N, C-alpha and C. Protein backbone atom coordinates (compact mmCIF):
# COMPACT_ATOMS: atom_id res chain seq x y z
N MET A 1 101.14 -76.07 -15.80
CA MET A 1 100.41 -75.23 -14.87
C MET A 1 99.84 -74.00 -15.59
N LYS A 2 100.64 -73.39 -16.48
CA LYS A 2 100.18 -72.19 -17.18
C LYS A 2 98.95 -72.48 -18.03
N LYS A 3 98.88 -73.70 -18.62
CA LYS A 3 97.72 -74.07 -19.42
C LYS A 3 96.46 -74.10 -18.56
N TYR A 4 96.57 -74.64 -17.33
CA TYR A 4 95.42 -74.73 -16.44
C TYR A 4 94.97 -73.35 -15.99
N VAL A 5 95.94 -72.48 -15.68
CA VAL A 5 95.62 -71.12 -15.27
C VAL A 5 94.91 -70.38 -16.40
N PHE A 6 95.43 -70.53 -17.62
CA PHE A 6 94.82 -69.89 -18.77
C PHE A 6 93.41 -70.41 -18.99
N ALA A 7 93.22 -71.73 -18.87
CA ALA A 7 91.90 -72.32 -19.06
C ALA A 7 90.91 -71.81 -18.02
N LEU A 8 91.35 -71.73 -16.74
CA LEU A 8 90.46 -71.22 -15.68
C LEU A 8 90.10 -69.76 -15.93
N ALA A 9 91.08 -68.95 -16.32
CA ALA A 9 90.81 -67.54 -16.60
C ALA A 9 89.82 -67.40 -17.76
N MET A 10 89.97 -68.21 -18.79
CA MET A 10 89.05 -68.15 -19.93
C MET A 10 87.64 -68.56 -19.52
N MET A 11 87.52 -69.58 -18.64
CA MET A 11 86.20 -70.00 -18.18
C MET A 11 85.52 -68.87 -17.42
N ILE A 12 86.28 -68.17 -16.56
CA ILE A 12 85.71 -67.07 -15.80
C ILE A 12 85.27 -65.94 -16.72
N ILE A 13 86.11 -65.58 -17.68
CA ILE A 13 85.78 -64.49 -18.62
C ILE A 13 84.57 -64.87 -19.46
N THR A 14 84.55 -66.11 -19.98
CA THR A 14 83.43 -66.56 -20.80
C THR A 14 82.14 -66.60 -19.99
N GLY A 15 82.24 -67.09 -18.75
CA GLY A 15 81.07 -67.13 -17.87
C GLY A 15 80.55 -65.73 -17.58
N ALA A 16 81.46 -64.80 -17.37
CA ALA A 16 81.06 -63.42 -17.08
C ALA A 16 80.36 -62.81 -18.29
N GLN A 17 80.89 -63.06 -19.49
CA GLN A 17 80.28 -62.51 -20.68
C GLN A 17 78.88 -63.07 -20.90
N SER A 18 78.72 -64.39 -20.71
CA SER A 18 77.40 -64.98 -20.92
C SER A 18 76.43 -64.53 -19.83
N ALA A 19 76.93 -64.35 -18.61
CA ALA A 19 76.07 -63.90 -17.52
C ALA A 19 75.57 -62.49 -17.77
N LEU A 20 76.43 -61.62 -18.26
CA LEU A 20 76.02 -60.25 -18.54
C LEU A 20 75.03 -60.17 -19.70
N ALA A 21 75.10 -61.14 -20.61
CA ALA A 21 74.24 -61.12 -21.78
C ALA A 21 72.83 -61.61 -21.46
N GLN A 22 72.64 -62.29 -20.33
CA GLN A 22 71.33 -62.83 -20.00
C GLN A 22 70.45 -61.77 -19.33
N ASP A 23 69.19 -61.79 -19.66
CA ASP A 23 68.23 -60.86 -19.07
C ASP A 23 67.49 -61.54 -17.94
N ASP A 24 67.12 -60.78 -16.93
CA ASP A 24 66.26 -61.26 -15.86
C ASP A 24 64.83 -61.18 -16.37
N PRO A 25 64.14 -62.32 -16.54
CA PRO A 25 62.84 -62.28 -17.19
C PRO A 25 61.75 -61.62 -16.37
N GLY A 26 61.92 -61.41 -15.07
CA GLY A 26 60.87 -60.79 -14.26
C GLY A 26 59.77 -61.81 -13.99
N ASN A 27 58.74 -61.39 -13.27
CA ASN A 27 57.67 -62.34 -12.94
C ASN A 27 56.39 -62.09 -13.74
N GLY A 28 56.40 -61.15 -14.64
CA GLY A 28 55.24 -60.88 -15.48
C GLY A 28 54.25 -59.91 -14.86
N ASP A 29 54.23 -59.80 -13.52
CA ASP A 29 53.29 -58.91 -12.85
C ASP A 29 53.82 -57.49 -12.74
N ALA A 30 55.13 -57.36 -12.61
CA ALA A 30 55.73 -56.03 -12.43
C ALA A 30 56.68 -55.76 -13.59
N PRO A 31 56.82 -54.50 -13.97
CA PRO A 31 57.77 -54.20 -15.04
C PRO A 31 59.19 -54.53 -14.59
N GLU A 32 59.98 -54.99 -15.55
CA GLU A 32 61.37 -55.35 -15.26
C GLU A 32 62.16 -54.09 -14.91
N LYS A 33 62.94 -54.17 -13.86
CA LYS A 33 63.76 -53.04 -13.43
C LYS A 33 64.99 -52.93 -14.31
N ARG A 34 65.29 -51.76 -14.79
CA ARG A 34 66.48 -51.51 -15.60
C ARG A 34 67.39 -50.56 -14.85
N GLY A 35 68.68 -50.59 -15.18
CA GLY A 35 69.62 -49.67 -14.55
C GLY A 35 70.06 -50.16 -13.18
N PHE A 36 70.59 -49.23 -12.41
CA PHE A 36 71.14 -49.55 -11.09
C PHE A 36 70.03 -49.92 -10.11
N ASP A 37 70.21 -51.04 -9.42
CA ASP A 37 69.25 -51.52 -8.43
C ASP A 37 70.00 -51.70 -7.11
N LYS A 38 69.76 -50.81 -6.13
CA LYS A 38 70.55 -50.84 -4.90
C LYS A 38 70.33 -52.12 -4.09
N SER A 39 69.25 -52.85 -4.36
CA SER A 39 69.04 -54.11 -3.65
C SER A 39 70.03 -55.18 -4.10
N ARG A 40 70.73 -54.95 -5.20
CA ARG A 40 71.74 -55.91 -5.69
C ARG A 40 73.13 -55.64 -5.11
N LEU A 41 73.28 -54.56 -4.35
CA LEU A 41 74.57 -54.28 -3.69
C LEU A 41 74.78 -55.26 -2.55
N PHE A 42 76.04 -55.64 -2.33
CA PHE A 42 76.36 -56.44 -1.15
C PHE A 42 77.66 -55.92 -0.55
N PHE A 43 77.78 -56.12 0.76
CA PHE A 43 78.96 -55.70 1.51
C PHE A 43 79.47 -56.93 2.25
N GLY A 44 80.76 -57.00 2.41
CA GLY A 44 81.31 -58.15 3.12
C GLY A 44 82.82 -58.07 3.17
N GLY A 45 83.45 -59.22 3.13
CA GLY A 45 84.90 -59.30 3.17
C GLY A 45 85.36 -60.28 4.22
N ASN A 46 86.59 -60.09 4.67
CA ASN A 46 87.20 -60.99 5.63
C ASN A 46 87.70 -60.21 6.84
N PHE A 47 87.69 -60.89 7.97
CA PHE A 47 88.21 -60.33 9.21
C PHE A 47 88.85 -61.50 9.96
N GLY A 48 90.09 -61.31 10.40
CA GLY A 48 90.76 -62.40 11.12
C GLY A 48 91.71 -61.88 12.17
N LEU A 49 91.82 -62.63 13.27
CA LEU A 49 92.74 -62.30 14.36
C LEU A 49 93.39 -63.58 14.85
N GLY A 50 94.65 -63.49 15.18
CA GLY A 50 95.36 -64.59 15.81
C GLY A 50 96.47 -64.02 16.67
N PHE A 51 96.58 -64.51 17.91
CA PHE A 51 97.59 -63.97 18.83
C PHE A 51 98.38 -65.12 19.45
N GLY A 52 99.59 -64.81 19.85
CA GLY A 52 100.46 -65.81 20.46
C GLY A 52 101.89 -65.57 19.99
N THR A 53 102.64 -66.65 19.79
CA THR A 53 104.00 -66.51 19.26
C THR A 53 103.96 -65.83 17.91
N ASN A 54 102.97 -66.19 17.11
CA ASN A 54 102.72 -65.53 15.84
C ASN A 54 101.43 -64.73 15.96
N THR A 55 101.46 -63.49 15.47
CA THR A 55 100.29 -62.63 15.52
C THR A 55 99.82 -62.36 14.10
N PHE A 56 98.51 -62.35 13.92
CA PHE A 56 97.93 -62.12 12.60
C PHE A 56 96.69 -61.25 12.78
N VAL A 57 96.58 -60.18 11.97
CA VAL A 57 95.39 -59.32 11.94
C VAL A 57 95.04 -59.09 10.47
N ASN A 58 93.77 -59.31 10.11
CA ASN A 58 93.32 -59.10 8.74
C ASN A 58 91.99 -58.37 8.79
N VAL A 59 91.91 -57.23 8.10
CA VAL A 59 90.66 -56.49 7.92
C VAL A 59 90.58 -56.16 6.43
N SER A 60 89.63 -56.79 5.74
CA SER A 60 89.54 -56.64 4.29
C SER A 60 88.09 -56.49 3.84
N PRO A 61 87.49 -55.30 4.02
CA PRO A 61 86.11 -55.10 3.59
C PRO A 61 85.99 -54.98 2.07
N GLN A 62 84.85 -55.41 1.55
CA GLN A 62 84.58 -55.33 0.11
C GLN A 62 83.14 -54.86 -0.11
N VAL A 63 82.90 -54.26 -1.26
CA VAL A 63 81.55 -53.91 -1.70
C VAL A 63 81.42 -54.41 -3.13
N GLY A 64 80.26 -55.00 -3.44
CA GLY A 64 80.07 -55.55 -4.77
C GLY A 64 78.66 -55.35 -5.27
N TYR A 65 78.44 -55.76 -6.50
CA TYR A 65 77.14 -55.63 -7.14
C TYR A 65 76.82 -56.94 -7.85
N ARG A 66 75.65 -57.49 -7.58
CA ARG A 66 75.21 -58.75 -8.20
C ARG A 66 74.43 -58.37 -9.46
N PHE A 67 75.09 -58.50 -10.63
CA PHE A 67 74.47 -58.10 -11.90
C PHE A 67 73.28 -58.98 -12.25
N ASN A 68 73.41 -60.27 -11.99
CA ASN A 68 72.32 -61.23 -12.20
C ASN A 68 72.65 -62.48 -11.39
N ASP A 69 71.96 -63.57 -11.65
CA ASP A 69 72.18 -64.79 -10.87
C ASP A 69 73.54 -65.43 -11.14
N TYR A 70 74.23 -65.00 -12.19
CA TYR A 70 75.46 -65.67 -12.61
C TYR A 70 76.74 -64.86 -12.42
N PHE A 71 76.63 -63.56 -12.22
CA PHE A 71 77.83 -62.73 -12.21
C PHE A 71 77.73 -61.61 -11.18
N ALA A 72 78.85 -61.41 -10.44
CA ALA A 72 78.98 -60.30 -9.50
C ALA A 72 80.40 -59.76 -9.60
N ALA A 73 80.57 -58.50 -9.26
CA ALA A 73 81.91 -57.89 -9.27
C ALA A 73 81.93 -56.79 -8.21
N GLY A 74 83.16 -56.40 -7.82
CA GLY A 74 83.27 -55.35 -6.82
C GLY A 74 84.70 -54.95 -6.54
N VAL A 75 84.87 -54.17 -5.49
CA VAL A 75 86.17 -53.65 -5.08
C VAL A 75 86.31 -53.79 -3.57
N GLY A 76 87.56 -53.70 -3.12
CA GLY A 76 87.80 -53.79 -1.69
C GLY A 76 89.14 -53.20 -1.32
N VAL A 77 89.36 -53.08 -0.02
CA VAL A 77 90.64 -52.64 0.52
C VAL A 77 91.16 -53.74 1.43
N ASN A 78 92.48 -53.79 1.60
CA ASN A 78 93.12 -54.83 2.40
C ASN A 78 93.99 -54.20 3.47
N PHE A 79 93.98 -54.79 4.63
CA PHE A 79 94.99 -54.49 5.65
C PHE A 79 95.34 -55.79 6.34
N ASN A 80 96.62 -56.15 6.32
CA ASN A 80 97.11 -57.35 6.98
C ASN A 80 98.33 -57.00 7.80
N TYR A 81 98.44 -57.59 8.98
CA TYR A 81 99.61 -57.42 9.83
C TYR A 81 100.02 -58.80 10.34
N TYR A 82 101.31 -59.11 10.24
CA TYR A 82 101.84 -60.38 10.71
C TYR A 82 103.07 -60.09 11.57
N SER A 83 103.24 -60.84 12.65
CA SER A 83 104.51 -60.80 13.37
C SER A 83 104.85 -62.22 13.82
N TYR A 84 106.13 -62.55 13.73
CA TYR A 84 106.64 -63.88 14.04
C TYR A 84 107.81 -63.75 15.00
N LYS A 85 107.82 -64.58 16.04
CA LYS A 85 108.95 -64.62 16.97
C LYS A 85 109.80 -65.84 16.65
N TYR A 86 111.11 -65.64 16.68
CA TYR A 86 112.06 -66.73 16.44
C TYR A 86 112.89 -66.92 17.70
N TYR A 87 113.26 -68.17 17.97
CA TYR A 87 113.95 -68.51 19.21
C TYR A 87 115.28 -69.20 18.93
N ASN A 88 116.22 -69.05 19.86
CA ASN A 88 117.48 -69.80 19.83
C ASN A 88 117.21 -71.26 20.16
N TYR A 89 118.20 -72.10 19.94
CA TYR A 89 118.06 -73.53 20.22
C TYR A 89 117.78 -73.79 21.70
N ASP A 90 118.22 -72.88 22.60
CA ASP A 90 117.98 -73.05 24.04
C ASP A 90 116.63 -72.47 24.50
N GLY A 91 115.84 -71.96 23.57
CA GLY A 91 114.52 -71.43 23.90
C GLY A 91 114.49 -69.94 24.18
N SER A 92 115.63 -69.28 24.21
CA SER A 92 115.64 -67.83 24.46
C SER A 92 115.24 -67.08 23.18
N ASP A 93 114.71 -65.87 23.38
CA ASP A 93 114.27 -65.05 22.24
C ASP A 93 115.44 -64.68 21.35
N LEU A 94 115.26 -64.82 20.03
CA LEU A 94 116.30 -64.44 19.08
C LEU A 94 115.92 -63.12 18.39
N TYR A 95 114.82 -63.12 17.64
CA TYR A 95 114.35 -61.89 17.00
C TYR A 95 112.88 -62.02 16.64
N LYS A 96 112.30 -60.87 16.30
CA LYS A 96 110.88 -60.81 15.92
C LYS A 96 110.79 -60.08 14.59
N GLU A 97 110.06 -60.66 13.63
CA GLU A 97 109.79 -60.01 12.35
C GLU A 97 108.35 -59.53 12.33
N SER A 98 108.14 -58.33 11.79
CA SER A 98 106.79 -57.78 11.64
C SER A 98 106.62 -57.30 10.20
N PHE A 99 105.46 -57.60 9.63
CA PHE A 99 105.15 -57.19 8.26
C PHE A 99 103.76 -56.58 8.22
N GLY A 100 103.59 -55.54 7.42
CA GLY A 100 102.29 -54.94 7.20
C GLY A 100 102.01 -54.84 5.72
N TYR A 101 100.73 -54.96 5.36
CA TYR A 101 100.29 -54.84 3.97
C TYR A 101 99.03 -54.00 3.94
N ALA A 102 98.97 -53.04 3.05
CA ALA A 102 97.76 -52.25 2.84
C ALA A 102 97.59 -52.04 1.35
N GLY A 103 96.38 -52.21 0.85
CA GLY A 103 96.19 -52.05 -0.59
C GLY A 103 94.74 -52.14 -0.99
N PHE A 104 94.52 -52.44 -2.26
CA PHE A 104 93.16 -52.52 -2.80
C PHE A 104 93.05 -53.71 -3.74
N ASN A 105 91.82 -54.10 -4.03
CA ASN A 105 91.57 -55.21 -4.94
C ASN A 105 90.30 -54.96 -5.73
N VAL A 106 90.19 -55.67 -6.83
CA VAL A 106 88.94 -55.76 -7.59
C VAL A 106 88.66 -57.26 -7.73
N PHE A 107 87.40 -57.63 -7.84
CA PHE A 107 87.10 -59.04 -7.97
C PHE A 107 85.93 -59.25 -8.90
N GLY A 108 85.91 -60.40 -9.52
CA GLY A 108 84.79 -60.85 -10.34
C GLY A 108 84.43 -62.26 -9.93
N ARG A 109 83.14 -62.52 -9.81
CA ARG A 109 82.66 -63.86 -9.43
C ARG A 109 81.68 -64.36 -10.46
N VAL A 110 81.85 -65.61 -10.82
CA VAL A 110 80.92 -66.31 -11.70
C VAL A 110 80.29 -67.43 -10.88
N TYR A 111 78.97 -67.56 -10.98
CA TYR A 111 78.23 -68.60 -10.28
C TYR A 111 77.70 -69.60 -11.32
N PRO A 112 78.50 -70.63 -11.67
CA PRO A 112 78.05 -71.58 -12.69
C PRO A 112 76.87 -72.43 -12.21
N ILE A 113 76.81 -72.66 -10.90
CA ILE A 113 75.71 -73.36 -10.24
C ILE A 113 75.28 -72.44 -9.10
N LYS A 114 74.04 -72.49 -8.69
CA LYS A 114 73.48 -71.50 -7.78
C LYS A 114 74.37 -71.12 -6.59
N PHE A 115 74.92 -72.08 -5.86
CA PHE A 115 75.67 -71.75 -4.65
C PHE A 115 77.18 -71.99 -4.79
N ILE A 116 77.64 -72.25 -6.00
CA ILE A 116 79.06 -72.48 -6.27
C ILE A 116 79.60 -71.26 -7.01
N LEU A 117 80.81 -70.79 -6.60
CA LEU A 117 81.37 -69.62 -7.27
C LEU A 117 82.83 -69.84 -7.66
N LEU A 118 83.22 -69.18 -8.73
CA LEU A 118 84.61 -69.07 -9.17
C LEU A 118 84.96 -67.59 -9.08
N GLN A 119 86.16 -67.28 -8.58
CA GLN A 119 86.52 -65.88 -8.37
C GLN A 119 87.92 -65.59 -8.87
N ALA A 120 88.09 -64.44 -9.48
CA ALA A 120 89.39 -63.88 -9.83
C ALA A 120 89.52 -62.55 -9.10
N GLN A 121 90.67 -62.33 -8.44
CA GLN A 121 90.85 -61.12 -7.64
C GLN A 121 92.27 -60.59 -7.77
N PRO A 122 92.52 -59.65 -8.69
CA PRO A 122 93.83 -58.98 -8.71
C PRO A 122 93.94 -58.00 -7.55
N GLU A 123 95.13 -57.91 -6.97
CA GLU A 123 95.39 -57.01 -5.84
C GLU A 123 96.71 -56.28 -6.03
N LEU A 124 96.80 -55.13 -5.39
CA LEU A 124 98.07 -54.43 -5.29
C LEU A 124 98.19 -53.94 -3.85
N ASN A 125 99.19 -54.45 -3.14
CA ASN A 125 99.41 -54.09 -1.74
C ASN A 125 100.75 -53.41 -1.59
N TYR A 126 100.83 -52.49 -0.65
CA TYR A 126 102.10 -51.90 -0.27
C TYR A 126 102.57 -52.65 0.97
N SER A 127 103.81 -53.12 0.95
CA SER A 127 104.35 -53.93 2.03
C SER A 127 105.48 -53.21 2.74
N TRP A 128 105.53 -53.33 4.07
CA TRP A 128 106.63 -52.79 4.87
C TRP A 128 106.91 -53.78 5.99
N GLY A 129 108.05 -53.63 6.63
CA GLY A 129 108.36 -54.55 7.72
C GLY A 129 109.60 -54.16 8.48
N SER A 130 109.87 -54.96 9.53
CA SER A 130 111.06 -54.72 10.35
C SER A 130 111.47 -56.01 11.04
N ARG A 131 112.70 -56.03 11.50
CA ARG A 131 113.23 -57.16 12.26
C ARG A 131 113.89 -56.60 13.51
N LYS A 132 113.42 -57.03 14.69
CA LYS A 132 113.94 -56.56 15.97
C LYS A 132 114.68 -57.71 16.65
N PHE A 133 115.96 -57.50 16.94
CA PHE A 133 116.78 -58.51 17.61
C PHE A 133 116.73 -58.28 19.11
N TYR A 134 116.70 -59.35 19.88
CA TYR A 134 116.60 -59.25 21.33
C TYR A 134 117.97 -59.15 22.01
N ASP A 135 119.06 -59.20 21.23
CA ASP A 135 120.40 -59.08 21.83
C ASP A 135 120.90 -57.63 21.87
N GLY A 136 120.02 -56.68 21.57
CA GLY A 136 120.40 -55.27 21.63
C GLY A 136 120.87 -54.70 20.30
N ALA A 137 120.96 -55.52 19.26
CA ALA A 137 121.37 -55.02 17.93
C ALA A 137 120.31 -54.05 17.41
N ALA A 138 120.72 -53.18 16.51
CA ALA A 138 119.81 -52.18 15.96
C ALA A 138 118.66 -52.85 15.19
N LYS A 139 117.50 -52.25 15.30
CA LYS A 139 116.32 -52.74 14.57
C LYS A 139 116.54 -52.55 13.08
N GLN A 140 116.22 -53.56 12.27
CA GLN A 140 116.36 -53.48 10.82
C GLN A 140 115.01 -53.16 10.20
N LYS A 141 114.98 -52.17 9.35
CA LYS A 141 113.75 -51.85 8.60
C LYS A 141 113.86 -52.49 7.22
N LEU A 142 112.79 -53.16 6.80
CA LEU A 142 112.75 -53.71 5.45
C LEU A 142 112.19 -52.64 4.52
N PRO A 143 112.78 -52.46 3.36
CA PRO A 143 112.29 -51.41 2.46
C PRO A 143 110.85 -51.68 2.03
N GLY A 144 110.05 -50.62 1.97
CA GLY A 144 108.68 -50.75 1.50
C GLY A 144 108.65 -50.99 0.00
N GLN A 145 107.67 -51.76 -0.44
CA GLN A 145 107.53 -52.00 -1.87
C GLN A 145 106.10 -52.40 -2.19
N PHE A 146 105.71 -52.21 -3.46
CA PHE A 146 104.40 -52.65 -3.93
C PHE A 146 104.48 -54.12 -4.30
N VAL A 147 103.47 -54.87 -3.90
CA VAL A 147 103.44 -56.32 -4.11
C VAL A 147 102.15 -56.67 -4.88
N PRO A 148 102.27 -57.15 -6.14
CA PRO A 148 101.08 -57.56 -6.88
C PRO A 148 100.69 -59.00 -6.54
N SER A 149 99.40 -59.28 -6.61
CA SER A 149 98.89 -60.64 -6.43
C SER A 149 97.72 -60.84 -7.39
N LEU A 150 97.53 -62.07 -7.80
CA LEU A 150 96.35 -62.45 -8.58
C LEU A 150 95.80 -63.72 -7.96
N LEU A 151 94.71 -63.56 -7.22
CA LEU A 151 94.10 -64.70 -6.54
C LEU A 151 93.03 -65.31 -7.44
N LEU A 152 93.16 -66.62 -7.66
CA LEU A 152 92.13 -67.37 -8.38
C LEU A 152 91.64 -68.46 -7.44
N GLY A 153 90.36 -68.72 -7.47
CA GLY A 153 89.85 -69.76 -6.60
C GLY A 153 88.37 -69.99 -6.80
N GLY A 154 87.83 -70.76 -5.89
CA GLY A 154 86.42 -71.08 -5.94
C GLY A 154 85.95 -71.57 -4.60
N GLY A 155 84.65 -71.77 -4.52
CA GLY A 155 84.10 -72.25 -3.27
C GLY A 155 82.60 -72.23 -3.27
N ALA A 156 82.04 -72.10 -2.08
CA ALA A 156 80.60 -72.14 -1.89
C ALA A 156 80.11 -70.85 -1.25
N ALA A 157 78.92 -70.42 -1.67
CA ALA A 157 78.23 -69.28 -1.07
C ALA A 157 76.98 -69.84 -0.41
N ILE A 158 77.04 -70.01 0.91
CA ILE A 158 75.95 -70.63 1.65
C ILE A 158 74.97 -69.54 2.07
N PRO A 159 73.74 -69.56 1.55
CA PRO A 159 72.77 -68.50 1.85
C PRO A 159 72.47 -68.40 3.35
N THR A 160 72.36 -67.16 3.83
CA THR A 160 72.07 -66.94 5.25
C THR A 160 70.90 -65.99 5.45
N GLY A 161 70.17 -65.71 4.40
CA GLY A 161 69.00 -64.84 4.52
C GLY A 161 69.12 -63.63 3.64
N GLY A 162 68.00 -63.14 3.19
CA GLY A 162 67.99 -61.97 2.31
C GLY A 162 68.47 -62.34 0.91
N ARG A 163 68.46 -61.36 0.05
CA ARG A 163 68.83 -61.60 -1.35
C ARG A 163 70.33 -61.86 -1.50
N ASN A 164 71.16 -61.14 -0.75
CA ASN A 164 72.61 -61.24 -0.94
C ASN A 164 73.35 -61.81 0.26
N GLY A 165 72.67 -62.16 1.34
CA GLY A 165 73.35 -62.68 2.52
C GLY A 165 73.92 -64.07 2.26
N ALA A 166 75.22 -64.24 2.51
CA ALA A 166 75.85 -65.55 2.29
C ALA A 166 77.15 -65.65 3.06
N LEU A 167 77.41 -66.86 3.52
CA LEU A 167 78.69 -67.21 4.11
C LEU A 167 79.54 -67.78 2.99
N LEU A 168 80.75 -67.21 2.78
CA LEU A 168 81.62 -67.64 1.68
C LEU A 168 82.74 -68.51 2.21
N LEU A 169 82.84 -69.72 1.72
CA LEU A 169 83.94 -70.64 2.02
C LEU A 169 84.71 -70.84 0.73
N MET A 170 85.99 -70.45 0.72
CA MET A 170 86.74 -70.50 -0.54
C MET A 170 88.14 -71.06 -0.34
N ILE A 171 88.67 -71.62 -1.42
CA ILE A 171 90.08 -71.96 -1.49
C ILE A 171 90.65 -71.13 -2.64
N GLN A 172 91.79 -70.48 -2.39
CA GLN A 172 92.38 -69.58 -3.38
C GLN A 172 93.89 -69.82 -3.48
N TYR A 173 94.45 -69.30 -4.56
CA TYR A 173 95.89 -69.43 -4.79
C TYR A 173 96.38 -68.16 -5.48
N ASP A 174 97.53 -67.64 -5.03
CA ASP A 174 98.14 -66.46 -5.64
C ASP A 174 99.01 -66.90 -6.81
N LEU A 175 98.61 -66.56 -8.02
CA LEU A 175 99.35 -66.97 -9.22
C LEU A 175 100.64 -66.19 -9.43
N VAL A 176 100.73 -64.96 -8.94
CA VAL A 176 101.91 -64.13 -9.19
C VAL A 176 103.12 -64.63 -8.39
N GLN A 177 102.92 -65.02 -7.16
CA GLN A 177 103.97 -65.56 -6.30
C GLN A 177 105.14 -64.60 -6.10
N ASP A 178 104.85 -63.33 -5.85
CA ASP A 178 105.90 -62.38 -5.49
C ASP A 178 106.54 -62.83 -4.18
N GLN A 179 107.83 -62.58 -4.04
CA GLN A 179 108.57 -63.02 -2.86
C GLN A 179 107.94 -62.50 -1.56
N ARG A 180 107.37 -61.30 -1.58
CA ARG A 180 106.78 -60.72 -0.37
C ARG A 180 105.26 -60.80 -0.35
N SER A 181 104.70 -61.71 -1.12
CA SER A 181 103.25 -61.90 -1.13
C SER A 181 102.76 -62.28 0.25
N PRO A 182 101.63 -61.73 0.69
CA PRO A 182 101.07 -62.13 1.99
C PRO A 182 100.42 -63.51 1.96
N TYR A 183 100.34 -64.15 0.79
CA TYR A 183 99.59 -65.39 0.66
C TYR A 183 100.45 -66.65 0.61
N GLY A 184 101.76 -66.53 0.55
CA GLY A 184 102.60 -67.72 0.52
C GLY A 184 102.53 -68.44 -0.81
N ASN A 185 103.08 -69.65 -0.84
CA ASN A 185 103.20 -70.37 -2.11
C ASN A 185 102.35 -71.64 -2.16
N ARG A 186 101.26 -71.66 -1.41
CA ARG A 186 100.35 -72.80 -1.48
C ARG A 186 98.91 -72.31 -1.40
N PRO A 187 97.97 -73.14 -1.78
CA PRO A 187 96.56 -72.73 -1.68
C PRO A 187 96.20 -72.42 -0.22
N PHE A 188 95.27 -71.49 -0.04
CA PHE A 188 94.84 -71.13 1.31
C PHE A 188 93.32 -71.04 1.35
N PHE A 189 92.78 -71.28 2.53
CA PHE A 189 91.33 -71.21 2.73
C PHE A 189 90.97 -69.83 3.28
N SER A 190 89.80 -69.36 2.89
CA SER A 190 89.29 -68.11 3.44
C SER A 190 87.82 -68.28 3.78
N LEU A 191 87.41 -67.53 4.77
CA LEU A 191 86.03 -67.53 5.23
C LEU A 191 85.58 -66.08 5.27
N GLY A 192 84.49 -65.76 4.63
CA GLY A 192 83.99 -64.39 4.60
C GLY A 192 82.48 -64.38 4.67
N TYR A 193 81.92 -63.18 4.68
CA TYR A 193 80.47 -63.04 4.77
C TYR A 193 80.03 -61.86 3.90
N ASN A 194 78.93 -62.04 3.20
CA ASN A 194 78.29 -60.95 2.45
C ASN A 194 76.95 -60.66 3.10
N PHE A 195 76.62 -59.37 3.19
CA PHE A 195 75.27 -58.99 3.66
C PHE A 195 74.74 -57.86 2.83
């Protein structure tokens, strides 16, 4: 597994280096723009809600810059909240666990083919939580701690209009696998939007 992770990381780094080395040739009619171009900025991220026995809230905005057709990078903030209810064998309430995560991330994307992307996203989240028992026992607080994650994955960027508008469909995996990671121990799907 480590060999595959290393190979994927090297492909992303190599792709990023070659993408940064390429020049945008322009159309010949207008001078080539150099330096910061605000039209290459994009905003997006993920937003999710789920309610019921299990509750889930995710707000993760990001801002990035498309350096050229092959490489983009950016930063973001994360907020996730989860709560789970557990029941006795007879169906009565046993306890409820709640977890919160807040942090930041940086990401790099390589587009080896026009609408296909590979992404690496290191994160650092602060995690806190509690366990509330329904039998009247005292509420337990889980100690807060910093939780590192390294998400690697890929997917499709489906254009939706404009230079940077796209619907992002991705599958990702957390390589660090910290015990309190918000991502679990299997690949997960994400849906996001850039505008």
